[in-house]
Amino acid sequence: MVFITQELRGNPGVRSDATELLYDGLWPLTASAVAALLTAVVLWFDLPALLVLAWVALVTLSHGAGFALLRAQPRAPGPEASGPWLSRFTLTALAIAIPWGALAIAIAAGASNASQTVIYTSALAMMAGAALMPCPPLRGIEAAVWPVAAPLAVVSWWAGGVPHLALMALFLLFAAGSSVAGRRLHRSIAQALAFRRERDRLAAELQASHSRLATANTELALANHRLETANREVVRARAEVETASRVKSEFLANMSHELRTPLSAIIGFAEVIALETFGPTAPRYREYASDIHGSGRHLLQVINDVLDLSKVEAGQMLLHEARLDPALVMQGCVRLLKPRAAKSNVRIYTAFDAQLPVLLADEARLRQIGLNLLSNAIKFTKAGGRVSIATGLDREGGISIAVTDTGIGMSADEIAIALEPFQQVMSSQSRTNEGTGLGLPLTKTLVELHGGRLDIASAPGRGTTVTVAFPASRSVAQLAELAV
């Protein structure tokens, strides 16, 4: 059975270290063997030879078992194997102490004073050595001390006399002191071993942390390298995009000039022919001239839309802001598109708020927004349908313009398509109407250029409502202040 302190019991690793330390050296066993040899030599000349030989045999057996145990014990035993080896050490310590305690028989047999002095001195040295052993089990200390002290104290009491009684008291006190000192030394060494274990654990954790930190630093360096590479790629791609955008803008500007000049001439000549400015023409020629004039104006509008969109994308479109009456601008858009609506048998209704604040906006772009929304509404509304336009204030105090139609409507996916440049919603109604797919995207871009937003609420077969909302910061005054 193993009796150890709480430090060893609670920490198997420390118990393993203590066992290895306990079996690490041969000096306690060697010192005991040398002392036994010297004692035997002294006793050989004072006591019967048979008694000395018997004691020598007992010493040889006990010390031989101790040496065999030291040779058999493995280096660095595991925590599970430490307990049995500590128990074996306790039994060996008891076996070695018993021959020394048996020397009490020599004193009782009438050993001389010189022999008794050697016996008492050797016994005290053995008890002191037991107390100084490196981290033995606590029961091992008791097994090495009291089997020596108790018999000698008893025989000293039996011998009587003041010297022997004083020796008895000395042995008992020395044995008790050795036990206490051995226990304290045991606890100190056990704590030192526990601290060493903790230090080794912390050192291992620190080394592992350093390894993880080095790995993290390596990964961070790789990530930084990848990030720098990605940044260079982004910068290069951005430069390419800017170059492409600049080339596109220059190309469109040049093409605009190259297309507008002959197109203006075509439109002008077609108008001259249609109006018979220089004399009458055949009806078929007038009809052809009218078609040329309409197609030319349509192509001119497409060119203008493309240029406007490219300017906005390139950040080159500037707003010429002024204080405007939004209702008045929208009324002008309605007047321009009423003939087209009448031709398509579509009625236009208006609902303008007369108390709207003044809107700070670009008049040409605001008119373009209104014309695009109304023309789209008329285009996709069947004959007999209606289109309405209304102005008002939203909850944030910003001016809003809403255009509602009873046309074909759109699903959510179709709305997303309609807001993409050069994209058109494919339906039976849309296929009958001409267009480039720039109306809504350009309108949305112009609204956002003013800091506003464009919202579309629609459902297939139920019509569409497009709402343009300007920020409240653009509502700068009441209409009454226009005259000031």
Protein backbone atom coordinates (compact mmCIF):
# COMPACT_ATOMS: atom_id res chain seq x y z
CA MET A 1 0.00 0.00 0.00
CA VAL A 2 1.31 3.46 -0.95
CA PHE A 3 1.27 6.37 1.48
CA ILE A 4 2.22 9.63 -0.24
CA THR A 5 1.49 13.30 0.21
CA GLN A 6 -1.28 15.27 -1.46
CA GLU A 7 1.23 16.76 -3.90
CA LEU A 8 2.03 13.29 -5.26
CA ARG A 9 -1.48 11.92 -5.02
CA GLY A 10 -3.00 14.79 -6.95
CA ASN A 11 -0.40 14.84 -9.69
CA PRO A 12 0.56 11.51 -11.32
CA GLY A 13 3.32 13.21 -13.30
CA VAL A 14 4.97 14.51 -10.12
CA ARG A 15 4.67 11.05 -8.57
CA SER A 16 6.50 9.61 -11.57
CA ASP A 17 9.27 12.23 -11.23
CA ALA A 18 9.56 11.52 -7.48
CA THR A 19 9.93 7.80 -8.11
CA GLU A 20 12.65 8.40 -10.68
CA LEU A 21 14.46 10.76 -8.29
CA LEU A 22 14.18 8.25 -5.42
CA TYR A 23 15.76 5.44 -7.46
CA ASP A 24 18.25 7.70 -9.19
CA GLY A 25 21.28 7.10 -6.92
CA LEU A 26 22.93 4.21 -5.08
CA TRP A 27 24.56 6.33 -2.39
CA PRO A 28 22.06 5.67 0.50
CA LEU A 29 22.23 1.90 -0.02
CA THR A 30 26.00 1.98 -0.56
CA ALA A 31 26.54 4.06 2.59
CA SER A 32 24.43 1.63 4.59
CA ALA A 33 26.41 -1.34 3.25
CA VAL A 34 29.76 0.32 4.07
CA ALA A 35 28.56 1.21 7.58
CA ALA A 36 27.37 -2.38 8.08
CA LEU A 37 30.77 -3.70 6.99
CA LEU A 38 32.62 -1.47 9.44
CA THR A 39 30.25 -2.38 12.24
CA ALA A 40 30.69 -6.09 11.51
CA VAL A 41 34.48 -5.71 11.70
CA VAL A 42 34.20 -4.02 15.11
CA LEU A 43 31.71 -6.56 16.44
CA TRP A 44 33.81 -9.52 15.18
CA PHE A 45 36.36 -8.89 17.90
CA ASP A 46 33.82 -8.34 20.68
CA LEU A 47 30.87 -10.73 20.11
CA PRO A 48 30.49 -14.43 19.32
CA ALA A 49 31.35 -15.18 15.69
CA LEU A 50 28.05 -17.02 15.08
CA LEU A 51 26.05 -13.96 16.17
CA VAL A 52 28.12 -11.62 13.96
CA LEU A 53 27.85 -13.97 10.97
CA ALA A 54 24.10 -14.22 11.41
CA TRP A 55 23.81 -10.43 11.45
CA VAL A 56 26.09 -10.13 8.40
CA ALA A 57 23.89 -12.65 6.55
CA LEU A 58 20.77 -10.64 7.43
CA VAL A 59 22.47 -7.41 6.23
CA THR A 60 23.60 -9.09 3.02
CA LEU A 61 20.09 -10.35 2.20
CA SER A 62 18.42 -6.98 2.86
CA HIS A 63 21.01 -4.92 0.99
CA GLY A 64 21.14 -7.45 -1.86
CA ALA A 65 17.36 -7.08 -2.24
CA GLY A 66 17.84 -3.29 -2.27
CA PHE A 67 20.47 -3.41 -5.01
CA ALA A 68 18.31 -5.82 -7.05
CA LEU A 69 15.34 -3.46 -6.70
CA LEU A 70 17.42 -0.51 -7.92
CA ARG A 71 18.59 -2.49 -10.95
CA ALA A 72 15.08 -3.67 -11.77
CA GLN A 73 13.39 -0.27 -11.55
CA PRO A 74 12.90 1.28 -15.03
CA ARG A 75 13.99 4.80 -15.89
CA ALA A 76 11.15 7.35 -16.01
CA PRO A 77 8.32 5.05 -14.92
CA GLY A 78 4.84 6.00 -16.05
CA PRO A 79 2.32 7.49 -13.60
CA GLU A 80 0.48 4.15 -13.32
CA ALA A 81 3.69 2.20 -12.58
CA SER A 82 5.01 4.61 -9.94
CA GLY A 83 2.74 3.38 -7.12
CA PRO A 84 4.01 -0.23 -7.00
CA TRP A 85 7.63 0.90 -7.11
CA LEU A 86 7.06 3.26 -4.17
CA SER A 87 5.54 0.36 -2.22
CA ARG A 88 8.53 -1.84 -3.03
CA PHE A 89 10.86 0.91 -1.83
CA THR A 90 9.02 1.07 1.51
CA LEU A 91 9.38 -2.70 2.00
CA THR A 92 13.09 -2.54 1.07
CA ALA A 93 13.68 0.33 3.52
CA LEU A 94 12.02 -1.76 6.23
CA ALA A 95 14.18 -4.78 5.33
CA ILE A 96 17.38 -2.70 5.56
CA ALA A 97 16.35 -1.05 8.85
CA ILE A 98 15.55 -4.34 10.61
CA PRO A 99 19.22 -5.57 10.74
CA TRP A 100 20.26 -2.24 12.25
CA GLY A 101 17.52 -2.54 14.84
CA ALA A 102 18.66 -6.11 15.50
CA LEU A 103 21.95 -4.72 16.84
CA ALA A 104 20.03 -4.18 20.08
CA ILE A 105 20.67 -7.91 20.63
CA ALA A 106 24.43 -7.24 20.55
CA ILE A 107 24.03 -4.59 23.28
CA ALA A 108 21.92 -6.96 25.34
CA ALA A 109 24.56 -9.70 24.80
CA GLY A 110 27.13 -7.57 26.58
CA ALA A 111 28.93 -5.70 23.84
CA SER A 112 31.74 -3.49 25.01
CA ASN A 113 31.39 0.24 25.33
CA ALA A 114 33.39 0.76 22.12
CA SER A 115 31.09 -1.60 20.22
CA GLN A 116 28.01 0.10 21.69
CA THR A 117 29.41 3.49 20.61
CA VAL A 118 29.82 2.19 17.05
CA ILE A 119 26.29 0.70 17.10
CA TYR A 120 24.64 3.87 18.42
CA THR A 121 26.62 6.11 16.04
CA SER A 122 25.84 3.93 13.00
CA ALA A 123 22.14 3.81 13.98
CA LEU A 124 21.96 7.61 14.31
CA ALA A 125 23.69 8.00 10.94
CA MET A 126 21.21 5.59 9.33
CA MET A 127 18.23 7.50 10.72
CA ALA A 128 19.69 10.82 9.55
CA GLY A 129 20.31 9.35 6.09
CA ALA A 130 16.70 8.10 5.94
CA ALA A 131 15.46 11.61 6.70
CA LEU A 132 17.65 13.05 3.90
CA MET A 133 16.63 10.61 1.16
CA PRO A 134 15.32 12.44 -1.95
CA CYS A 135 11.54 12.40 -1.89
CA PRO A 136 10.75 8.97 -0.40
CA PRO A 137 7.14 7.99 0.38
CA LEU A 138 6.15 9.06 3.89
CA ARG A 139 5.70 5.50 5.09
CA GLY A 140 9.16 4.76 3.68
CA ILE A 141 10.63 7.33 6.10
CA GLU A 142 8.88 5.69 9.03
CA ALA A 143 9.99 2.24 7.84
CA ALA A 144 13.62 3.38 7.74
CA VAL A 145 13.65 5.21 11.10
CA TRP A 146 11.48 3.52 13.71
CA PRO A 147 12.64 -0.13 13.22
CA VAL A 148 16.12 1.18 14.08
CA ALA A 149 15.21 3.57 16.90
CA ALA A 150 12.62 1.49 18.75
CA PRO A 151 14.73 -1.65 19.53
CA LEU A 152 17.75 0.44 20.55
CA ALA A 153 15.59 2.64 22.79
CA VAL A 154 14.07 -0.45 24.43
CA VAL A 155 17.44 -2.10 25.05
CA SER A 156 18.80 1.19 26.44
CA TRP A 157 15.86 1.36 28.86
CA TRP A 158 16.46 -2.32 29.78
CA ALA A 159 20.17 -1.67 30.40
CA GLY A 160 19.25 1.07 32.89
CA GLY A 161 21.53 3.72 34.20
CA VAL A 162 21.60 7.38 33.42
CA PRO A 163 23.74 7.08 30.26
CA HIS A 164 21.51 4.42 28.71
CA LEU A 165 18.31 6.25 29.68
CA ALA A 166 19.74 9.41 28.14
CA LEU A 167 20.52 7.42 24.99
CA MET A 168 16.95 6.09 24.98
CA ALA A 169 15.57 9.64 25.14
CA LEU A 170 18.06 10.75 22.47
CA PHE A 171 17.03 7.96 20.10
CA LEU A 172 13.33 8.64 20.53
CA LEU A 173 13.76 12.40 20.00
CA PHE A 174 16.11 11.85 17.08
CA ALA A 175 13.69 9.40 15.46
CA ALA A 176 10.78 11.83 15.88
CA GLY A 177 12.90 14.70 14.55
CA SER A 178 14.07 12.61 11.59
CA SER A 179 10.47 11.74 10.76
CA VAL A 180 9.37 15.38 10.89
CA ALA A 181 12.40 16.57 8.89
CA GLY A 182 11.90 13.80 6.36
CA ARG A 183 8.22 14.74 5.92
CA ARG A 184 9.06 18.43 5.41
CA LEU A 185 11.86 17.63 2.99
CA HIS A 186 9.52 15.26 1.17
CA ARG A 187 6.86 17.98 0.81
CA SER A 188 9.42 20.55 -0.34
CA ILE A 189 10.83 18.24 -2.99
CA ALA A 190 7.34 17.24 -4.11
CA GLN A 191 6.39 20.90 -4.49
CA ALA A 192 9.64 21.58 -6.34
CA LEU A 193 8.86 18.72 -8.71
CA ALA A 194 5.33 20.06 -9.20
CA PHE A 195 6.76 23.52 -9.95
CA ARG A 196 9.24 21.97 -12.38
CA ARG A 197 6.42 20.10 -14.09
CA GLU A 198 4.41 23.32 -14.34
CA ARG A 199 7.46 25.19 -15.63
CA ASP A 200 8.04 22.52 -18.29
CA ARG A 201 4.37 22.63 -19.24
CA LEU A 202 4.42 26.41 -19.53
CA ALA A 203 7.67 26.25 -21.51
CA ALA A 204 6.11 23.70 -23.87
CA GLU A 205 3.01 25.87 -24.25
CA LEU A 206 5.22 28.90 -24.85
CA GLN A 207 7.18 27.00 -27.48
CA ALA A 208 3.94 25.85 -29.08
CA SER A 209 2.65 29.42 -28.97
CA HIS A 210 5.85 30.61 -30.61
CA SER A 211 5.43 27.96 -33.29
CA ARG A 212 1.81 28.95 -33.84
CA LEU A 213 2.82 32.61 -33.89
CA ALA A 214 5.54 31.89 -36.43
CA THR A 215 3.04 29.96 -38.54
CA ALA A 216 0.52 32.79 -38.22
CA ASN A 217 3.17 35.33 -39.19
CA THR A 218 4.07 33.24 -42.21
CA GLU A 219 0.41 32.96 -43.20
CA LEU A 220 -0.04 36.68 -42.60
CA ALA A 221 2.94 37.44 -44.80
CA LEU A 222 1.50 35.22 -47.52
CA ALA A 223 -1.89 36.87 -47.12
CA ASN A 224 -0.27 40.31 -47.32
CA HIS A 225 1.57 39.23 -50.44
CA ARG A 226 -1.66 37.96 -51.98
CA LEU A 227 -3.41 41.17 -50.94
CA GLU A 228 -0.69 43.31 -52.47
CA THR A 229 -0.89 41.25 -55.64
CA ALA A 230 -4.67 41.60 -55.67
CA ASN A 231 -4.35 45.37 -55.08
CA ARG A 232 -1.96 45.66 -57.97
CA GLU A 233 -4.39 43.69 -60.12
CA VAL A 234 -7.25 45.94 -59.00
CA VAL A 235 -5.23 49.06 -59.77
CA ARG A 236 -4.27 47.66 -63.15
CA ALA A 237 -7.87 46.61 -63.89
CA ARG A 238 -9.15 50.00 -62.75
CA ALA A 239 -6.67 51.74 -65.01
CA GLU A 240 -7.79 49.54 -67.87
CA VAL A 241 -11.44 50.27 -67.11
CA GLU A 242 -10.77 54.01 -66.92
CA THR A 243 -8.85 53.84 -70.16
CA ALA A 244 -11.65 51.87 -71.82
CA SER A 245 -14.25 54.30 -70.45
CA ARG A 246 -12.25 57.27 -71.71
CA VAL A 247 -11.81 55.64 -75.12
CA LYS A 248 -15.53 54.84 -75.18
CA SER A 249 -16.46 58.39 -74.27
CA GLU A 250 -14.11 59.81 -76.89
CA PHE A 251 -15.44 57.37 -79.45
CA LEU A 252 -19.05 58.23 -78.64
CA ALA A 253 -18.32 61.94 -78.73
CA ASN A 254 -16.62 61.61 -82.12
CA MET A 255 -19.35 59.34 -83.43
CA SER A 256 -21.95 61.73 -82.06
CA HIS A 257 -20.47 64.52 -84.10
CA GLU A 258 -20.02 62.32 -87.14
CA LEU A 259 -23.60 61.00 -86.91
CA ARG A 260 -25.37 64.17 -85.86
CA THR A 261 -24.02 66.29 -88.71
CA PRO A 262 -25.32 64.16 -91.61
CA LEU A 263 -28.38 63.15 -89.60
CA SER A 264 -29.33 66.78 -89.06
CA ALA A 265 -28.99 67.33 -92.77
CA ILE A 266 -31.18 64.30 -93.50
CA ILE A 267 -33.82 65.47 -91.05
CA GLY A 268 -33.70 69.02 -92.49
CA PHE A 269 -33.97 67.92 -96.11
CA ALA A 270 -36.76 65.48 -95.28
CA GLU A 271 -38.66 68.27 -93.55
CA VAL A 272 -38.16 70.57 -96.57
CA ILE A 273 -39.53 67.90 -98.90
CA ALA A 274 -42.45 67.05 -96.60
CA LEU A 275 -43.42 70.73 -96.27
CA GLU A 276 -42.95 71.33 -100.02
CA THR A 277 -40.85 74.39 -99.27
CA PHE A 278 -39.44 74.63 -102.80
CA GLY A 279 -42.53 73.51 -104.63
CA PRO A 280 -45.09 70.75 -104.77
CA THR A 281 -44.02 67.09 -104.72
CA ALA A 282 -45.78 63.85 -105.38
CA PRO A 283 -47.87 62.55 -102.45
CA ARG A 284 -45.76 59.41 -102.23
CA TYR A 285 -42.60 61.52 -101.95
CA ARG A 286 -44.19 63.56 -99.14
CA GLU A 287 -45.06 60.32 -97.37
CA TYR A 288 -41.52 59.03 -97.79
CA ALA A 289 -40.06 62.32 -96.59
CA SER A 290 -42.29 62.21 -93.51
CA ASP A 291 -41.09 58.69 -92.73
CA ILE A 292 -37.46 59.74 -93.20
CA HIS A 293 -38.01 62.73 -90.94
CA GLY A 294 -39.60 60.59 -88.18
CA SER A 295 -36.94 57.91 -88.40
CA GLY A 296 -34.19 60.50 -88.34
CA ARG A 297 -35.55 62.18 -85.23
CA HIS A 298 -35.90 58.79 -83.56
CA LEU A 299 -32.29 57.93 -84.41
CA LEU A 300 -31.17 61.34 -83.13
CA GLN A 301 -32.97 60.70 -79.84
CA VAL A 302 -31.27 57.30 -79.52
CA ILE A 303 -27.87 58.92 -80.10
CA ASN A 304 -28.62 61.56 -77.48
CA ASP A 305 -29.68 58.92 -74.95
CA VAL A 306 -26.54 56.87 -75.53
CA LEU A 307 -24.37 59.96 -75.09
CA ASP A 308 -26.19 61.01 -71.95
CA LEU A 309 -25.79 57.55 -70.42
CA SER A 310 -22.09 57.41 -71.26
CA LYS A 311 -21.57 60.87 -69.77
CA VAL A 312 -23.22 59.86 -66.51
CA GLU A 313 -21.18 56.64 -66.33
CA ALA A 314 -17.99 58.59 -66.96
CA GLY A 315 -18.94 61.18 -64.33
CA GLN A 316 -18.87 63.94 -66.93
CA MET A 317 -22.50 65.04 -66.80
CA LEU A 318 -22.98 68.30 -64.95
CA LEU A 319 -26.28 69.55 -63.58
CA HIS A 320 -27.29 73.13 -64.32
CA GLU A 321 -29.49 73.56 -61.28
CA ALA A 322 -32.22 76.15 -60.96
CA ARG A 323 -35.35 76.75 -58.90
CA LEU A 324 -38.19 75.07 -60.75
CA ASP A 325 -41.90 74.47 -60.42
CA PRO A 326 -42.05 70.67 -60.94
CA ALA A 327 -45.76 70.74 -61.80
CA LEU A 328 -45.13 73.33 -64.53
CA VAL A 329 -42.34 71.23 -66.06
CA MET A 330 -44.51 68.08 -65.99
CA GLN A 331 -47.42 69.97 -67.62
CA GLY A 332 -45.08 70.82 -70.49
CA CYS A 333 -44.20 67.13 -70.86
CA VAL A 334 -47.90 66.22 -70.98
CA ARG A 335 -48.56 68.81 -73.70
CA LEU A 336 -45.72 67.40 -75.83
CA LEU A 337 -46.94 63.82 -75.56
CA LYS A 338 -50.69 64.36 -75.83
CA PRO A 339 -50.67 63.95 -79.62
CA ARG A 340 -48.88 60.61 -79.32
CA ALA A 341 -51.32 59.50 -76.62
CA ALA A 342 -54.29 60.53 -78.73
CA LYS A 343 -52.88 58.63 -81.68
CA SER A 344 -52.65 55.50 -79.48
CA ASN A 345 -56.14 56.16 -78.01
CA VAL A 346 -54.67 56.56 -74.51
CA ARG A 347 -56.04 59.19 -72.12
CA ILE A 348 -53.68 61.19 -69.87
CA TYR A 349 -54.83 62.43 -66.45
CA THR A 350 -52.92 64.88 -64.28
CA ALA A 351 -52.98 65.58 -60.55
CA PHE A 352 -50.49 68.31 -59.68
CA ASP A 353 -50.18 69.73 -56.18
CA ALA A 354 -50.37 73.54 -56.40
CA GLN A 355 -48.67 73.98 -52.99
CA LEU A 356 -45.45 72.16 -53.79
CA PRO A 357 -42.15 73.69 -52.72
CA VAL A 358 -39.65 74.86 -55.29
CA LEU A 359 -37.46 72.04 -56.63
CA LEU A 360 -33.75 72.66 -57.07
CA ALA A 361 -32.94 70.66 -60.24
CA ASP A 362 -31.66 70.73 -63.82
CA GLU A 363 -34.68 71.73 -65.92
CA ALA A 364 -33.58 69.88 -69.06
CA ARG A 365 -32.90 66.67 -67.11
CA LEU A 366 -36.17 66.97 -65.17
CA ARG A 367 -38.07 67.36 -68.45
CA GLN A 368 -36.16 64.36 -69.85
CA ILE A 369 -37.23 62.32 -66.81
CA GLY A 370 -40.87 63.26 -67.30
CA LEU A 371 -40.84 62.61 -71.04
CA ASN A 372 -39.19 59.21 -70.64
CA LEU A 373 -41.68 58.05 -67.99
CA LEU A 374 -44.74 59.30 -69.88
CA SER A 375 -43.58 57.97 -73.25
CA ASN A 376 -42.92 54.52 -71.73
CA ALA A 377 -46.32 54.52 -70.06
CA ILE A 378 -48.09 55.47 -73.32
CA LYS A 379 -46.02 52.98 -75.31
CA PHE A 380 -46.99 49.97 -73.17
CA THR A 381 -50.63 50.88 -72.57
CA LYS A 382 -53.24 49.34 -74.89
CA ALA A 383 -55.80 51.42 -76.77
CA GLY A 384 -58.55 52.63 -74.45
CA GLY A 385 -56.21 52.64 -71.44
CA ARG A 386 -55.15 55.58 -69.33
CA VAL A 387 -51.98 57.14 -68.00
CA SER A 388 -51.88 59.46 -64.99
CA ILE A 389 -49.13 61.68 -63.64
CA ALA A 390 -49.16 63.23 -60.18
CA THR A 391 -46.83 65.33 -58.05
CA GLY A 392 -46.73 65.56 -54.27
CA LEU A 393 -44.64 65.40 -51.11
CA ASP A 394 -43.40 62.18 -49.54
CA ARG A 395 -43.04 61.52 -45.82
CA GLU A 396 -39.52 62.95 -45.67
CA GLY A 397 -40.67 66.24 -47.21
CA GLY A 398 -39.17 65.53 -50.62
CA ILE A 399 -40.98 66.14 -53.91
CA SER A 400 -42.22 63.03 -55.70
CA ILE A 401 -43.49 62.43 -59.24
CA ALA A 402 -45.59 59.33 -59.90
CA VAL A 403 -46.59 58.03 -63.36
CA THR A 404 -49.22 55.28 -63.41
CA ASP A 405 -50.53 53.34 -66.38
CA THR A 406 -52.99 50.53 -67.05
CA GLY A 407 -50.60 48.79 -69.39
CA ILE A 408 -49.17 45.29 -69.57
CA GLY A 409 -47.25 45.48 -66.28
CA MET A 410 -44.09 43.61 -65.30
CA SER A 411 -42.97 40.94 -62.86
CA ALA A 412 -40.12 41.51 -60.39
CA ASP A 413 -37.64 39.75 -62.70
CA GLU A 414 -38.84 41.82 -65.66
CA ILE A 415 -38.39 45.05 -63.66
CA ALA A 416 -34.76 44.11 -63.03
CA ILE A 417 -34.29 43.53 -66.76
CA ALA A 418 -35.98 46.81 -67.68
CA LEU A 419 -33.56 48.76 -65.48
CA GLU A 420 -30.52 47.38 -67.32
CA PRO A 421 -29.18 49.43 -70.27
CA PHE A 422 -30.03 48.08 -73.74
CA GLN A 423 -32.30 45.39 -72.21
CA GLN A 424 -35.99 45.02 -73.05
CA VAL A 425 -38.72 42.94 -71.49
CA MET A 426 -39.83 40.33 -74.01
CA SER A 427 -43.62 40.22 -74.27
CA SER A 428 -46.21 40.32 -77.04
CA GLN A 429 -46.91 44.00 -76.34
CA SER A 430 -43.28 45.05 -76.03
CA ARG A 431 -42.34 43.42 -79.32
CA THR A 432 -44.79 45.71 -81.15
CA ASN A 433 -43.08 48.85 -79.80
CA GLU A 434 -39.76 50.23 -80.94
CA GLY A 435 -37.08 51.18 -78.40
CA THR A 436 -33.47 50.68 -77.40
CA GLY A 437 -33.98 49.84 -73.74
CA LEU A 438 -32.38 53.07 -72.55
CA GLY A 439 -35.42 54.98 -71.28
CA LEU A 440 -35.73 53.57 -67.74
CA PRO A 441 -31.98 53.08 -67.09
CA LEU A 442 -31.23 56.64 -68.20
CA THR A 443 -34.13 58.01 -66.16
CA LYS A 444 -32.94 56.13 -63.06
CA THR A 445 -29.42 57.44 -63.60
CA LEU A 446 -30.63 61.04 -63.95
CA VAL A 447 -32.75 60.74 -60.80
CA GLU A 448 -29.82 59.34 -58.82
CA LEU A 449 -27.66 62.16 -60.18
CA HIS A 450 -30.06 64.50 -58.34
CA GLY A 451 -29.70 62.41 -55.18
CA GLY A 452 -33.15 60.83 -55.57
CA ARG A 453 -34.45 57.34 -56.14
CA LEU A 454 -36.69 55.61 -58.66
CA ASP A 455 -39.17 52.95 -57.47
CA ILE A 456 -41.28 50.68 -59.66
CA ALA A 457 -44.44 48.91 -58.51
CA SER A 458 -45.92 46.63 -61.12
CA ALA A 459 -47.71 43.36 -61.74
CA PRO A 460 -48.32 41.56 -65.06
CA GLY A 461 -51.66 42.64 -66.55
CA ARG A 462 -52.29 45.24 -63.83
CA GLY A 463 -50.23 48.17 -64.98
CA THR A 464 -47.20 49.95 -63.61
CA THR A 465 -46.48 52.85 -61.24
CA VAL A 466 -43.08 54.52 -61.46
CA THR A 467 -42.31 56.92 -58.60
CA VAL A 468 -39.45 59.40 -58.65
CA ALA A 469 -38.59 60.79 -55.20
CA PHE A 470 -36.21 63.70 -54.77
CA PRO A 471 -34.47 64.31 -51.43
CA ALA A 472 -35.96 66.87 -49.06
CA SER A 473 -32.76 68.92 -49.38
CA ARG A 474 -33.90 69.90 -52.89
CA SER A 475 -37.22 71.36 -51.66
CA VAL A 476 -35.92 74.85 -51.05
CA ALA A 477 -38.94 77.22 -51.03
CA GLN A 478 -42.69 77.54 -51.51
CA LEU A 479 -44.12 78.48 -54.87
CA ALA A 480 -45.10 81.87 -53.54
CA GLU A 481 -41.43 82.72 -53.13
CA LEU A 482 -40.72 82.41 -56.84
CA ALA A 483 -41.89 85.95 -57.41
CA VAL A 484 -39.56 87.31 -54.74
